[in-house]
Amino acid sequence: MKLEKFKNHALLSLLIVTTSASVQALELAGSSFYAARSQSVNAARGLVGFCQFLTRANCGFEGMILPTPAYQRSFTSPRVAEYFFNTNEIRITGSRVPNRACNDLLADYFGLSPSFESKVVMNPRIESALVDFDMYLSYNPWYIRIHAPACWSRWHYQLEECIADDGSTTQFPEQYMAQTAVREPVTSFTQAICGHQQWGDIQTGLINSIICGPRSITGLADLRMFFGWHILRNERYYLGMNIIGAAPTGSHINGTFFFEPIVGNGRHWEIGVGLDGRVLAWEAENTHTLSLYGTIHATHLCRATQRRSFDFCANGFASRYLLLKQFDENGQYDGTVIPASTITTLPCHVWSGGQFDIVAMLGYLACGLEIDFGYNAWIRTREHVTICGTIPENRYGIKGIQNVVDLFGNPSNVTQSNATIHGNELTPERQAENADPRSPVFIRTDDLDPHSAAATSAFTNKLFAHVAYTWAPCKHVEPYLGFGGEVEFEGIAPERNRQANHNTVAQWGIWLKGGALFT
């Protein structure tokens, strides 16, 4: 018996060690841009309440106004961090920290001391409050429906840092960041990533892809319009189709913030088609009915111009945070060092082949009471990104761990085109080993990786419920009031050598839906 327990304990220990080793083996990887589901794309919220009026035959003119206040908030936030980094925990260490791990970010690039050492846990969160102004007008088989959600959204990429050594006793050595020794401008990564720090030859600091507390934005999410036809409409069946269009009234994307708050779909025009259907599944005493509803909305996200931060193809993940030397027209270092994202944040064209919003719902009606319960799937195909901005020719080279001044006090043209965000040990031997033999090596627009700032395909599952009551008509007006909620779960798309690609938001939401039908 004791031998059996020992075997089980040994097996469990081996499993834990093996699992831990596999997690450590995962490389940091991810995109520089997060494209969430637009606040205006919610076929489930649009169907509830509205569905009961599809049980009637065409009856000339009818109109409906259904303003819907709603609130949404994300949960399981560490998984969003995995989309950006393949983990929700990173280490930042300086170039003179012994035994640096291969996945550590080099502190020197952010203005932190060469002896700096810390661990950062990331907990992103998104919350939104909106009022969806929903208007419906119909005359016999033809109708138009408009959604105009006025939205406030707050995005917070929360960082919790544990500092082992703030590096305050170690300066940047002579010739490394300036001709003389330089003291670090900040003593924590959370301060450094806020940007705008100056040290040595770095005069402007980080101005793009920064993380600086919660950011909020207010605006009108996409103005979404449905031009439709009630093909078949009676007490037992319904079939309708529509043409969908969305005008880009949401916020602009400019790449300033790493976790940029967005209202709408990123300023895309959308065009597509939709199908709506209903089948009466059960009826009792002409007052109790149970119906099965289905909705499919498919749209194409047309090309939009945005501004995003790109990594270098050859330098890999997060290379937009490398430091660049700036050169004059004669190819000589001019004494200026800048973060790469200042140059690699460029205008680009973005489009996506398809977006699908699919709903299957059961709806119960009895004497004005309505109870709905259903499932919603949302799918968006991967983004296609084309860089349309340019980097000036023969102007910038990657600094890496190279000095800015040579042994004689002259500006150094030496570059390190193989530098990565993980950096190298700061020693003369490592500097010589990684220096470009024919310095300077200039960066070009073609060196940028468009895929580094492109959102991958996305998929979510949602369960929702809604309860409401419709009062008896009074002078051709039927008042309506209901409330509901939803829980949306992220889809999982594993990639090779990566954890699950959590590129969607798991969130819950509630709403209050009121209004009236006019006939």
Protein backbone atom coordinates (compact mmCIF):
# COMPACT_ATOMS: atom_id res chain seq x y z
CA MET A 1 0.00 0.00 0.00
CA LYS A 2 2.80 2.39 0.94
CA LEU A 3 4.67 1.45 -2.23
CA GLU A 4 1.56 2.24 -4.32
CA LYS A 5 1.19 5.67 -2.66
CA PHE A 6 4.86 6.37 -3.29
CA LYS A 7 4.45 5.50 -6.98
CA ASN A 8 1.41 7.77 -7.31
CA HIS A 9 3.21 10.63 -5.58
CA ALA A 10 6.27 10.20 -7.79
CA LEU A 11 4.09 10.14 -10.92
CA LEU A 12 2.29 13.32 -9.84
CA SER A 13 5.58 15.08 -9.13
CA LEU A 14 6.92 14.07 -12.54
CA LEU A 15 3.76 15.40 -14.20
CA ILE A 16 4.06 18.77 -12.45
CA VAL A 17 7.74 19.11 -13.37
CA THR A 18 7.02 18.15 -16.98
CA THR A 19 4.13 20.63 -17.23
CA SER A 20 6.20 23.44 -15.70
CA ALA A 21 9.04 22.73 -18.11
CA SER A 22 6.68 22.84 -21.10
CA VAL A 23 5.28 26.21 -19.98
CA GLN A 24 8.79 27.61 -19.55
CA ALA A 25 9.64 26.35 -23.06
CA LEU A 26 6.92 28.51 -24.61
CA GLU A 27 8.38 31.50 -26.41
CA LEU A 28 6.94 34.96 -26.06
CA ALA A 29 4.79 35.66 -29.09
CA GLY A 30 1.74 37.67 -30.06
CA SER A 31 0.25 40.52 -32.04
CA SER A 32 0.67 44.22 -31.36
CA PHE A 33 -3.03 44.97 -31.95
CA TYR A 34 -6.22 43.72 -30.32
CA ALA A 35 -9.43 43.85 -32.38
CA ALA A 36 -12.45 43.23 -30.16
CA ARG A 37 -16.02 42.60 -31.29
CA SER A 38 -17.80 45.85 -32.09
CA GLN A 39 -20.37 46.97 -29.54
CA SER A 40 -22.92 47.29 -32.36
CA VAL A 41 -22.61 43.64 -33.47
CA ASN A 42 -25.02 41.75 -31.22
CA ALA A 43 -27.74 39.86 -33.08
CA ALA A 44 -28.90 38.24 -29.82
CA ARG A 45 -29.65 41.56 -28.15
CA GLY A 46 -31.37 42.74 -31.31
CA LEU A 47 -33.60 39.67 -31.62
CA VAL A 48 -34.99 39.47 -28.09
CA GLY A 49 -38.10 41.58 -27.60
CA PHE A 50 -38.32 42.26 -31.31
CA CYS A 51 -38.99 38.61 -32.11
CA GLN A 52 -42.55 38.51 -30.72
CA PHE A 53 -43.73 40.98 -33.36
CA LEU A 54 -42.66 38.56 -36.10
CA THR A 55 -45.47 36.19 -35.07
CA ARG A 56 -48.06 38.37 -36.78
CA ALA A 57 -49.10 38.62 -40.41
CA ASN A 58 -48.22 41.69 -42.49
CA CYS A 59 -50.61 44.46 -41.48
CA GLY A 60 -49.72 47.59 -43.40
CA PHE A 61 -47.61 50.18 -41.61
CA GLU A 62 -45.92 49.46 -38.30
CA GLY A 63 -43.05 51.06 -36.45
CA MET A 64 -41.05 50.30 -33.37
CA ILE A 65 -38.65 52.18 -31.10
CA LEU A 66 -36.60 50.07 -28.70
CA PRO A 67 -33.88 52.01 -26.82
CA THR A 68 -31.67 49.53 -24.97
CA PRO A 69 -29.25 50.58 -22.20
CA ALA A 70 -26.60 47.88 -21.70
CA TYR A 71 -23.40 47.20 -19.78
CA GLN A 72 -20.61 44.73 -20.62
CA ARG A 73 -17.49 43.69 -18.73
CA SER A 74 -14.73 41.21 -19.46
CA PHE A 75 -13.59 38.39 -17.20
CA THR A 76 -10.73 35.81 -17.28
CA SER A 77 -8.52 38.79 -18.14
CA PRO A 78 -5.16 36.94 -17.94
CA ARG A 79 -6.13 35.12 -21.13
CA VAL A 80 -6.24 38.38 -23.05
CA ALA A 81 -2.60 38.91 -22.03
CA GLU A 82 -1.78 35.52 -23.54
CA TYR A 83 -2.88 36.89 -26.91
CA PHE A 84 -0.17 39.55 -26.68
CA PHE A 85 2.63 37.63 -24.96
CA ASN A 86 1.69 33.91 -24.95
CA THR A 87 1.62 34.27 -21.15
CA ASN A 88 0.29 36.70 -18.57
CA GLU A 89 3.60 36.95 -16.70
CA ILE A 90 6.88 38.39 -18.01
CA ARG A 91 10.31 39.16 -16.57
CA ILE A 92 12.30 42.32 -17.29
CA THR A 93 16.02 42.15 -16.60
CA GLY A 94 18.98 44.36 -17.40
CA SER A 95 21.98 43.49 -19.57
CA ARG A 96 24.21 42.97 -16.52
CA VAL A 97 21.89 40.67 -14.59
CA PRO A 98 23.59 37.25 -14.31
CA ASN A 99 21.85 34.16 -15.71
CA ARG A 100 19.16 36.02 -17.64
CA ALA A 101 16.42 33.72 -19.00
CA CYS A 102 15.97 33.48 -22.76
CA ASN A 103 12.44 34.96 -22.53
CA ASP A 104 13.38 38.00 -20.43
CA LEU A 105 12.78 41.45 -21.92
CA LEU A 106 15.89 43.64 -21.89
CA ALA A 107 15.39 46.44 -19.38
CA ASP A 108 17.95 48.71 -21.09
CA TYR A 109 15.60 49.36 -24.03
CA PHE A 110 13.06 50.96 -21.69
CA GLY A 111 15.45 53.23 -19.79
CA LEU A 112 15.86 50.83 -16.87
CA SER A 113 19.24 50.14 -15.26
CA PRO A 114 21.44 47.31 -16.58
CA SER A 115 21.05 45.66 -13.16
CA PHE A 116 17.25 46.06 -13.04
CA GLU A 117 15.17 42.95 -12.38
CA SER A 118 11.40 42.56 -11.96
CA LYS A 119 8.42 40.33 -12.68
CA VAL A 120 5.20 41.74 -14.16
CA VAL A 121 1.75 40.11 -14.05
CA MET A 122 -0.75 41.42 -16.60
CA ASN A 123 -4.51 41.62 -16.11
CA PRO A 124 -6.24 43.41 -19.03
CA ARG A 125 -9.87 44.43 -18.64
CA ILE A 126 -12.53 45.90 -20.93
CA GLU A 127 -15.85 47.41 -19.89
CA SER A 128 -18.46 49.23 -21.95
CA ALA A 129 -21.73 51.04 -21.29
CA LEU A 130 -24.05 51.92 -24.14
CA VAL A 131 -27.53 52.85 -25.23
CA ASP A 132 -28.56 51.13 -28.44
CA PHE A 133 -31.14 53.29 -30.21
CA ASP A 134 -33.08 50.74 -32.27
CA MET A 135 -35.69 51.92 -34.78
CA TYR A 136 -37.86 49.74 -37.04
CA LEU A 137 -40.23 50.85 -39.82
CA SER A 138 -42.24 48.48 -42.00
CA TYR A 139 -44.91 48.67 -44.66
CA ASN A 140 -46.33 45.28 -45.69
CA PRO A 141 -43.38 43.12 -46.81
CA TRP A 142 -40.67 45.83 -46.79
CA TYR A 143 -38.85 47.19 -43.77
CA ILE A 144 -35.86 49.17 -42.58
CA ARG A 145 -34.17 48.81 -39.22
CA ILE A 146 -31.41 51.01 -37.79
CA HIS A 147 -29.13 50.46 -34.80
CA ALA A 148 -27.20 53.46 -33.46
CA PRO A 149 -25.37 52.52 -30.21
CA ALA A 150 -23.96 55.48 -28.27
CA CYS A 151 -21.11 53.91 -26.33
CA TRP A 152 -18.54 54.56 -23.61
CA SER A 153 -15.72 52.03 -23.35
CA ARG A 154 -12.78 51.77 -20.93
CA TRP A 155 -9.77 49.53 -21.57
CA HIS A 156 -7.24 48.93 -18.81
CA TYR A 157 -4.07 46.89 -19.30
CA GLN A 158 -3.35 46.53 -15.61
CA LEU A 159 0.25 45.73 -14.59
CA GLU A 160 1.25 44.33 -11.20
CA GLU A 161 5.01 44.52 -10.77
CA CYS A 162 7.26 42.85 -8.21
CA ILE A 163 10.73 44.44 -8.28
CA ALA A 164 13.71 42.38 -7.14
CA ASP A 165 16.30 45.08 -7.93
CA ASP A 166 15.39 48.60 -9.06
CA GLY A 167 18.92 49.15 -10.38
CA SER A 168 19.35 52.47 -8.61
CA THR A 169 22.96 51.62 -7.75
CA THR A 170 23.98 50.86 -11.36
CA GLN A 171 24.19 53.51 -14.08
CA PHE A 172 24.42 53.02 -17.82
CA PRO A 173 28.20 52.88 -18.44
CA GLU A 174 30.16 55.42 -20.46
CA GLN A 175 29.72 55.27 -24.24
CA TYR A 176 26.65 52.99 -23.99
CA MET A 177 23.82 55.55 -23.96
CA ALA A 178 25.92 58.72 -24.07
CA GLN A 179 29.55 59.77 -23.90
CA THR A 180 29.37 59.86 -20.10
CA ALA A 181 27.71 57.51 -17.64
CA VAL A 182 23.93 58.00 -17.50
CA ARG A 183 21.55 57.43 -14.62
CA GLU A 184 18.32 55.59 -15.37
CA PRO A 185 15.24 57.90 -15.61
CA VAL A 186 12.83 55.44 -13.91
CA THR A 187 13.08 52.54 -11.48
CA SER A 188 10.08 50.39 -12.50
CA PHE A 189 8.80 48.88 -15.72
CA THR A 190 5.30 50.28 -15.09
CA GLN A 191 6.81 53.77 -15.16
CA ALA A 192 9.00 53.05 -18.16
CA ILE A 193 6.22 51.66 -20.37
CA CYS A 194 4.21 54.86 -19.82
CA GLY A 195 6.69 56.44 -22.21
CA HIS A 196 8.12 59.94 -22.70
CA GLN A 197 11.25 59.18 -20.63
CA GLN A 198 14.60 60.73 -21.58
CA TRP A 199 18.07 59.35 -20.91
CA GLY A 200 21.38 59.82 -22.67
CA ASP A 201 20.92 60.25 -26.41
CA ILE A 202 17.22 59.32 -26.14
CA GLN A 203 15.51 62.71 -26.19
CA THR A 204 11.86 61.88 -26.88
CA GLY A 205 11.35 58.42 -25.37
CA LEU A 206 8.53 56.01 -26.11
CA ILE A 207 5.47 57.67 -27.70
CA ASN A 208 3.71 54.69 -29.34
CA SER A 209 2.54 51.32 -27.98
CA ILE A 210 2.61 52.71 -24.46
CA ILE A 211 0.73 51.35 -21.43
CA CYS A 212 -0.40 54.11 -19.11
CA GLY A 213 -3.35 53.32 -16.86
CA PRO A 214 -6.97 52.95 -17.92
CA ARG A 215 -8.03 54.69 -21.13
CA SER A 216 -11.62 55.44 -22.07
CA ILE A 217 -13.38 56.67 -25.18
CA THR A 218 -16.91 57.75 -26.04
CA GLY A 219 -18.61 57.74 -29.41
CA LEU A 220 -21.25 56.34 -31.70
CA ALA A 221 -20.40 52.76 -32.64
CA ASP A 222 -21.10 51.71 -36.20
CA LEU A 223 -24.41 52.94 -37.58
CA ARG A 224 -25.87 49.57 -38.58
CA MET A 225 -28.76 49.43 -41.10
CA PHE A 226 -30.95 46.58 -42.32
CA PHE A 227 -33.02 46.89 -45.51
CA GLY A 228 -35.29 43.87 -45.55
CA TRP A 229 -38.17 41.89 -46.96
CA HIS A 230 -40.69 39.80 -44.99
CA ILE A 231 -40.88 36.90 -47.44
CA LEU A 232 -43.24 34.77 -45.33
CA ARG A 233 -44.96 36.10 -42.23
CA ASN A 234 -47.89 34.52 -40.38
CA GLU A 235 -48.76 33.02 -37.00
CA ARG A 236 -46.85 29.78 -37.68
CA TYR A 237 -43.90 30.71 -39.85
CA TYR A 238 -41.61 33.59 -40.60
CA LEU A 239 -38.87 34.02 -43.19
CA GLY A 240 -37.14 37.28 -43.93
CA MET A 241 -33.98 38.46 -45.61
CA ASN A 242 -32.13 41.75 -45.55
CA ILE A 243 -29.20 43.67 -46.89
CA ILE A 244 -26.90 44.91 -44.14
CA GLY A 245 -24.81 48.05 -44.22
CA ALA A 246 -22.68 49.66 -41.51
CA ALA A 247 -21.29 53.18 -41.62
CA PRO A 248 -17.93 53.78 -39.85
CA THR A 249 -18.94 56.20 -37.09
CA GLY A 250 -16.65 54.62 -34.46
CA SER A 251 -13.27 55.73 -33.13
CA HIS A 252 -10.02 56.08 -35.08
CA ILE A 253 -7.08 53.75 -34.42
CA ASN A 254 -3.73 55.54 -34.15
CA GLY A 255 -1.35 53.12 -32.40
CA THR A 256 -0.46 55.41 -29.50
CA PHE A 257 -1.55 52.93 -26.84
CA PHE A 258 -0.64 49.25 -26.61
CA PHE A 259 -4.18 48.34 -25.50
CA GLU A 260 -6.08 50.99 -27.42
CA PRO A 261 -9.73 51.59 -26.47
CA ILE A 262 -12.05 51.23 -29.45
CA VAL A 263 -15.68 52.11 -30.04
CA GLY A 264 -17.05 50.40 -33.13
CA ASN A 265 -15.34 48.13 -35.64
CA GLY A 266 -12.22 50.17 -36.44
CA ARG A 267 -13.83 52.53 -39.00
CA HIS A 268 -14.71 49.82 -41.53
CA TRP A 269 -17.61 50.14 -43.91
CA GLU A 270 -19.56 46.88 -43.88
CA ILE A 271 -21.80 45.30 -46.46
CA GLY A 272 -23.57 41.95 -46.23
CA VAL A 273 -26.78 39.96 -46.08
CA GLY A 274 -28.95 38.46 -43.37
CA LEU A 275 -31.60 35.80 -42.92
CA ASP A 276 -34.20 35.57 -40.15
CA GLY A 277 -36.57 32.70 -39.52
CA ARG A 278 -39.16 31.35 -37.09
CA VAL A 279 -41.08 28.10 -36.70
CA LEU A 280 -43.95 27.57 -34.26
CA ALA A 281 -42.93 24.49 -32.25
CA TRP A 282 -45.79 24.26 -29.75
CA GLU A 283 -49.10 25.96 -29.06
CA ALA A 284 -51.78 25.64 -26.34
CA GLU A 285 -55.12 27.36 -26.05
CA ASN A 286 -54.09 29.98 -28.61
CA THR A 287 -52.37 31.93 -25.83
CA HIS A 288 -49.23 29.89 -25.08
CA THR A 289 -46.65 29.42 -27.83
CA LEU A 290 -43.10 28.14 -28.07
CA SER A 291 -41.17 29.11 -31.17
CA LEU A 292 -37.71 28.40 -32.55
CA TYR A 293 -35.95 31.45 -34.01
CA GLY A 294 -32.82 31.67 -36.12
CA THR A 295 -30.74 34.60 -37.39
CA ILE A 296 -27.65 34.75 -39.60
CA HIS A 297 -25.87 38.03 -40.37
CA ALA A 298 -22.85 37.87 -42.70
CA THR A 299 -20.87 41.00 -43.57
CA HIS A 300 -17.62 41.94 -45.27
CA LEU A 301 -15.39 44.48 -43.50
CA CYS A 302 -14.20 46.78 -46.26
CA ARG A 303 -10.75 48.32 -46.38
CA ALA A 304 -10.10 50.95 -43.71
CA THR A 305 -7.06 53.11 -43.11
CA GLN A 306 -5.63 52.79 -39.61
CA ARG A 307 -2.33 53.40 -37.84
CA ARG A 308 -0.65 50.45 -36.13
CA SER A 309 2.75 49.53 -34.65
CA PHE A 310 4.74 46.88 -36.50
CA ASP A 311 7.60 44.57 -35.54
CA PHE A 312 10.56 43.69 -37.76
CA CYS A 313 10.42 40.39 -39.67
CA ALA A 314 13.99 39.38 -38.81
CA ASN A 315 13.95 40.58 -35.19
CA GLY A 316 10.71 38.95 -34.10
CA PHE A 317 8.32 39.50 -31.26
CA ALA A 318 8.00 43.02 -29.77
CA SER A 319 10.97 44.32 -31.79
CA ARG A 320 9.10 47.62 -32.06
CA TYR A 321 10.51 48.31 -28.57
CA LEU A 322 14.13 48.17 -29.79
CA LEU A 323 16.21 51.34 -29.91
CA LEU A 324 17.29 52.90 -33.21
CA LYS A 325 20.25 55.09 -34.06
CA GLN A 326 19.48 58.03 -36.32
CA PHE A 327 21.87 58.92 -39.16
CA ASP A 328 22.37 62.07 -41.23
CA GLU A 329 22.43 62.31 -45.02
CA ASN A 330 26.11 61.31 -45.03
CA GLY A 331 25.40 58.06 -43.17
CA GLN A 332 26.90 59.30 -39.90
CA TYR A 333 25.28 58.80 -36.49
CA ASP A 334 23.87 62.21 -35.53
CA GLY A 335 23.68 61.68 -31.75
CA THR A 336 19.99 60.76 -31.56
CA VAL A 337 18.50 57.46 -30.38
CA ILE A 338 14.77 56.80 -30.63
CA PRO A 339 12.44 53.87 -29.81
CA ALA A 340 11.70 51.85 -32.94
CA SER A 341 7.93 52.22 -32.54
CA THR A 342 8.28 55.93 -33.27
CA ILE A 343 9.27 54.92 -36.80
CA THR A 344 7.43 51.60 -37.20
CA THR A 345 4.00 52.96 -36.24
CA LEU A 346 2.65 53.65 -39.72
CA PRO A 347 -0.59 54.05 -41.68
CA CYS A 348 -1.92 50.79 -43.10
CA HIS A 349 -4.89 49.40 -44.97
CA VAL A 350 -6.91 46.77 -43.08
CA TRP A 351 -9.77 44.57 -44.22
CA SER A 352 -11.39 41.29 -43.21
CA GLY A 353 -13.12 38.81 -45.48
CA GLY A 354 -16.11 37.99 -43.32
CA GLN A 355 -17.92 38.49 -40.05
CA PHE A 356 -20.76 36.17 -39.00
CA ASP A 357 -23.29 36.72 -36.21
CA ILE A 358 -25.46 33.62 -35.74
CA VAL A 359 -28.33 33.12 -33.25
CA ALA A 360 -30.51 30.14 -32.35
CA MET A 361 -33.22 30.92 -29.79
CA LEU A 362 -36.31 29.51 -28.10
CA GLY A 363 -39.05 32.03 -27.38
CA TYR A 364 -42.07 31.50 -25.15
CA LEU A 365 -45.10 33.81 -25.28
CA ALA A 366 -48.13 33.77 -22.96
CA CYS A 367 -50.59 36.62 -22.41
CA GLY A 368 -48.03 39.36 -22.92
CA LEU A 369 -45.23 37.56 -21.10
CA GLU A 370 -42.12 36.78 -23.13
CA ILE A 371 -39.24 34.48 -22.10
CA ASP A 372 -36.31 33.99 -24.48
CA PHE A 373 -33.24 31.78 -24.16
CA GLY A 374 -30.63 31.14 -26.81
CA TYR A 375 -27.13 30.69 -28.18
CA ASN A 376 -25.06 33.14 -30.21
CA ALA A 377 -21.89 32.39 -32.22
CA TRP A 378 -19.72 35.21 -33.54
CA ILE A 379 -16.96 34.61 -36.08
CA ARG A 380 -14.56 37.01 -37.78
CA THR A 381 -11.97 35.88 -40.32
CA ARG A 382 -8.35 37.00 -39.98
CA GLU A 383 -7.36 40.52 -40.88
CA HIS A 384 -5.38 41.42 -43.97
CA VAL A 385 -2.96 44.30 -43.39
CA THR A 386 -0.98 46.23 -45.99
CA ILE A 387 1.48 48.89 -44.83
CA CYS A 388 1.02 52.11 -46.79
CA GLY A 389 3.40 54.35 -44.81
CA THR A 390 7.17 54.40 -45.42
CA ILE A 391 10.39 54.57 -43.40
CA PRO A 392 12.91 57.14 -44.72
CA GLU A 393 15.74 55.46 -46.61
CA ASN A 394 19.23 55.27 -45.07
CA ARG A 395 18.09 57.05 -41.94
CA TYR A 396 17.82 54.53 -39.07
CA GLY A 397 19.71 51.47 -37.83
CA ILE A 398 19.09 49.16 -34.87
CA LYS A 399 21.27 50.03 -31.87
CA GLY A 400 20.94 46.81 -29.84
CA ILE A 401 23.63 46.76 -27.12
CA GLN A 402 26.09 48.77 -29.22
CA ASN A 403 27.67 51.97 -27.94
CA VAL A 404 26.79 55.41 -29.25
CA VAL A 405 30.34 56.68 -28.82
CA ASP A 406 33.61 54.89 -29.72
CA LEU A 407 36.77 54.64 -27.63
CA PHE A 408 37.99 57.98 -28.98
CA GLY A 409 34.82 59.86 -28.06
CA ASN A 410 33.51 60.04 -31.62
CA PRO A 411 29.91 59.13 -32.62
CA SER A 412 29.71 55.41 -33.35
CA ASN A 413 28.05 54.16 -36.54
CA VAL A 414 27.99 50.56 -35.33
CA THR A 415 24.56 48.89 -35.56
CA GLN A 416 23.20 45.49 -34.51
CA SER A 417 20.65 44.32 -37.08
CA ASN A 418 20.17 40.94 -35.32
CA ALA A 419 19.02 42.48 -32.01
CA THR A 420 15.87 41.14 -30.33
CA ILE A 421 13.68 42.31 -27.47
CA HIS A 422 15.52 39.81 -25.25
CA GLY A 423 18.86 41.54 -25.79
CA ASN A 424 22.37 40.37 -24.94
CA GLU A 425 24.78 40.52 -22.06
CA LEU A 426 26.52 43.91 -21.95
CA THR A 427 30.21 43.06 -22.32
CA PRO A 428 32.82 44.15 -24.90
CA GLU A 429 32.94 40.59 -26.19
CA ARG A 430 29.15 40.42 -26.75
CA GLN A 431 29.14 43.86 -28.37
CA ALA A 432 31.85 42.83 -30.84
CA GLU A 433 30.20 39.46 -31.49
CA ASN A 434 26.80 40.98 -32.41
CA ALA A 435 27.94 44.13 -34.23
CA ASP A 436 27.16 44.36 -37.94
CA PRO A 437 30.44 43.78 -39.86
CA ARG A 438 29.50 46.46 -42.38
CA SER A 439 27.87 49.04 -40.17
CA PRO A 440 25.65 50.87 -40.41
CA VAL A 441 22.87 48.54 -41.60
CA PHE A 442 19.78 50.64 -42.26
CA ILE A 443 16.20 49.54 -41.74
CA ARG A 444 13.65 49.69 -44.56
CA THR A 445 9.89 49.57 -44.83
CA ASP A 446 10.18 46.10 -46.35
CA ASP A 447 11.77 44.90 -43.09
CA LEU A 448 8.45 45.35 -41.25
CA ASP A 449 6.14 42.42 -40.65
CA PRO A 450 2.50 43.28 -41.53
CA HIS A 451 1.28 40.14 -39.74
CA SER A 452 2.70 41.38 -36.43
CA ALA A 453 -0.13 43.95 -36.18
CA ALA A 454 -2.92 41.85 -37.71
CA ALA A 455 -5.68 40.26 -35.65
CA THR A 456 -6.11 36.54 -36.20
CA SER A 457 -9.44 34.83 -36.89
CA ALA A 458 -11.82 35.08 -33.93
CA PHE A 459 -14.68 32.99 -32.57
CA THR A 460 -16.92 33.32 -29.48
CA ASN A 461 -19.84 31.42 -27.95
CA LYS A 462 -22.60 33.19 -26.05
CA LEU A 463 -25.57 32.14 -23.94
CA PHE A 464 -28.29 34.71 -23.31
CA ALA A 465 -31.72 35.05 -21.73
CA HIS A 466 -34.44 37.70 -21.73
CA VAL A 467 -37.73 38.26 -19.89
CA ALA A 468 -40.27 40.91 -20.89
CA TYR A 469 -43.89 41.98 -20.85
CA THR A 470 -46.02 43.69 -23.51
CA TRP A 471 -49.13 45.55 -22.43
CA ALA A 472 -52.40 45.47 -24.36
CA PRO A 473 -52.64 47.97 -27.24
CA CYS A 474 -53.87 51.45 -26.43
CA LYS A 475 -54.71 53.64 -29.41
CA HIS A 476 -52.44 51.65 -31.75
CA VAL A 477 -49.54 51.71 -29.29
CA GLU A 478 -48.19 48.60 -27.51
CA PRO A 479 -45.78 49.47 -24.67
CA TYR A 480 -42.98 47.00 -24.02
CA LEU A 481 -40.40 46.49 -21.24
CA GLY A 482 -37.89 43.70 -20.64
CA PHE A 483 -34.48 42.89 -19.27
CA GLY A 484 -31.86 40.30 -20.07
CA GLY A 485 -28.29 39.16 -19.76
CA GLU A 486 -25.56 37.31 -21.60
CA VAL A 487 -22.33 35.44 -20.95
CA GLU A 488 -19.86 35.26 -23.82
CA PHE A 489 -17.01 32.75 -23.85
CA GLU A 490 -13.86 33.09 -25.91
CA GLY A 491 -13.12 30.68 -28.68
CA ILE A 492 -9.80 28.84 -28.57
CA ALA A 493 -7.50 28.60 -31.59
CA PRO A 494 -4.26 26.80 -30.60
CA GLU A 495 -1.17 27.49 -32.69
CA ARG A 496 2.03 25.55 -32.93
CA ASN A 497 4.41 26.09 -29.98
CA ARG A 498 1.90 28.46 -28.40
CA GLN A 499 -0.75 28.34 -25.79
CA ALA A 500 -4.34 28.80 -26.92
CA ASN A 501 -4.65 32.04 -28.88
CA HIS A 502 -7.10 33.94 -26.69
CA ASN A 503 -7.83 36.66 -29.22
CA THR A 504 -11.40 37.36 -28.10
CA VAL A 505 -12.99 38.76 -24.95
CA ALA A 506 -14.83 36.59 -22.47
CA GLN A 507 -17.44 38.94 -21.06
CA TRP A 508 -20.80 39.20 -19.38
CA GLY A 509 -23.47 41.78 -20.07
CA ILE A 510 -26.87 42.97 -18.94
CA TRP A 511 -29.48 45.15 -20.63
CA LEU A 512 -32.84 46.82 -20.15
CA LYS A 513 -35.00 46.93 -23.25
CA GLY A 514 -38.06 49.12 -23.46
CA GLY A 515 -40.12 50.82 -26.11
CA ALA A 516 -43.35 50.60 -28.05
CA LEU A 517 -44.86 49.24 -31.24
CA PHE A 518 -46.90 51.67 -33.35
CA THR A 519 -49.47 50.41 -35.86
